[in-house]
């Protein structure tokens, strides 16, 4: 395996969903976690649900608004598999299925 590194801070992020928690505090059942590949900076937010709009809002508020448009986003889609989304000033038109991503953790 070759580790994926980024030569530029905040240019490549890895995004994954964590959950479902057994006894969640305050109705938060899941969490979305993003990790920068250059400096290992972590952005994490608890979620009450995992819809496509919630994930897009997380990317917009916690990544794009704070650090600018990333060149790539790597998302885990199952055990040992992932997809790399190239973001070159285009909208994120990919469907983010929280239900499918959570199958890995159940």
Protein backbone atom coordinates (compact mmCIF):
# COMPACT_ATOMS: atom_id res chain seq x y z
CA UNK A 1 0.00 0.00 0.00
CA UNK A 2 1.19 3.48 -0.85
CA UNK A 3 0.18 6.20 1.62
CA UNK A 4 -1.71 9.10 0.09
CA UNK A 5 -0.12 12.42 0.93
CA UNK A 6 -0.77 15.93 -0.23
CA UNK A 7 2.06 18.44 -0.74
CA UNK A 8 -0.27 21.39 -0.03
CA UNK A 9 -2.22 22.06 3.18
CA UNK A 10 -6.00 21.65 2.89
CA UNK A 11 -5.81 20.47 -0.75
CA UNK A 12 -6.98 16.90 -0.10
CA UNK A 13 -9.47 15.74 2.52
CA UNK A 14 -10.67 12.29 3.54
CA UNK A 15 -14.33 12.17 4.64
CA UNK A 16 -16.11 9.35 6.44
CA UNK A 17 -19.16 8.77 8.62
CA UNK A 18 -18.91 7.34 12.12
CA UNK A 19 -21.90 5.83 13.90
CA UNK A 20 -24.53 4.72 14.79
CA UNK A 21 -23.84 5.26 18.45
CA UNK A 22 -25.72 2.97 20.85
CA UNK A 23 -26.76 5.57 23.44
CA UNK A 24 -26.19 8.90 21.74
CA UNK A 25 -26.15 12.11 23.78
CA UNK A 26 -28.81 14.65 22.76
CA UNK A 27 -30.14 12.56 19.84
CA UNK A 28 -26.90 12.68 17.85
CA UNK A 29 -26.66 9.25 16.24
CA UNK A 30 -23.78 9.74 13.79
CA UNK A 31 -20.76 11.95 13.15
CA UNK A 32 -19.04 13.06 9.98
CA UNK A 33 -15.25 13.29 10.13
CA UNK A 34 -12.90 14.97 7.65
CA UNK A 35 -9.10 14.69 7.84
CA UNK A 36 -6.62 16.82 5.87
CA UNK A 37 -3.93 14.67 4.25
CA UNK A 38 -1.11 17.22 4.66
CA UNK A 39 -1.18 18.08 8.36
CA UNK A 40 -3.79 15.57 9.66
CA UNK A 41 -6.13 18.38 10.76
CA UNK A 42 -9.51 16.96 11.82
CA UNK A 43 -12.94 18.50 11.41
CA UNK A 44 -15.76 16.51 13.04
CA UNK A 45 -19.43 17.31 13.60
CA UNK A 46 -22.13 15.22 15.33
CA UNK A 47 -25.21 14.58 13.21
CA UNK A 48 -28.84 13.75 13.92
CA UNK A 49 -29.24 12.29 10.43
CA UNK A 50 -27.13 11.49 7.40
CA UNK A 51 -28.75 12.87 4.28
CA UNK A 52 -27.04 14.19 1.19
CA UNK A 53 -27.93 17.78 2.15
CA UNK A 54 -26.42 17.40 5.64
CA UNK A 55 -23.12 16.13 4.20
CA UNK A 56 -23.01 18.91 1.58
CA UNK A 57 -23.68 21.48 4.32
CA UNK A 58 -20.81 20.02 6.38
CA UNK A 59 -18.44 20.27 3.40
CA UNK A 60 -19.57 23.84 2.67
CA UNK A 61 -19.44 25.18 6.26
CA UNK A 62 -16.50 23.25 7.69
CA UNK A 63 -14.15 22.82 4.73
CA UNK A 64 -14.83 25.21 1.84
CA UNK A 65 -15.74 28.28 3.95
CA UNK A 66 -12.80 27.79 6.32
CA UNK A 67 -10.02 26.52 4.04
CA UNK A 68 -11.10 27.22 0.46
CA UNK A 69 -11.97 24.84 -2.33
CA UNK A 70 -10.01 21.62 -2.02
CA UNK A 71 -8.49 19.92 -5.02
CA UNK A 72 -9.67 16.46 -3.93
CA UNK A 73 -12.01 14.82 -1.46
CA UNK A 74 -11.49 11.14 -0.72
CA UNK A 75 -14.56 9.38 0.65
CA UNK A 76 -14.72 5.88 2.07
CA UNK A 77 -17.46 3.83 0.42
CA UNK A 78 -16.88 0.48 2.12
CA UNK A 79 -14.27 -1.65 3.85
CA UNK A 80 -10.98 -0.98 2.10
CA UNK A 81 -12.52 0.96 -0.80
CA UNK A 82 -12.78 4.65 -1.51
CA UNK A 83 -13.38 7.18 -4.29
CA UNK A 84 -11.45 10.37 -4.97
CA UNK A 85 -13.59 13.31 -6.06
CA UNK A 86 -11.67 15.89 -8.10
CA UNK A 87 -12.87 19.40 -7.24
CA UNK A 88 -11.62 21.91 -9.75
CA UNK A 89 -14.09 24.76 -9.16
CA UNK A 90 -17.08 22.59 -9.99
CA UNK A 91 -20.08 21.89 -7.74
CA UNK A 92 -20.23 18.65 -5.80
CA UNK A 93 -22.80 16.73 -7.81
CA UNK A 94 -21.97 13.36 -6.29
CA UNK A 95 -24.59 11.65 -4.16
CA UNK A 96 -23.43 11.08 -0.59
CA UNK A 97 -25.40 8.14 0.77
CA UNK A 98 -25.07 8.03 4.55
CA UNK A 99 -27.01 4.78 4.75
CA UNK A 100 -24.59 3.01 2.39
CA UNK A 101 -21.54 4.38 4.19
CA UNK A 102 -22.87 3.26 7.58
CA UNK A 103 -23.09 -0.38 6.44
CA UNK A 104 -19.34 -0.59 7.02
CA UNK A 105 -19.75 0.19 10.72
CA UNK A 106 -22.83 -1.88 11.57
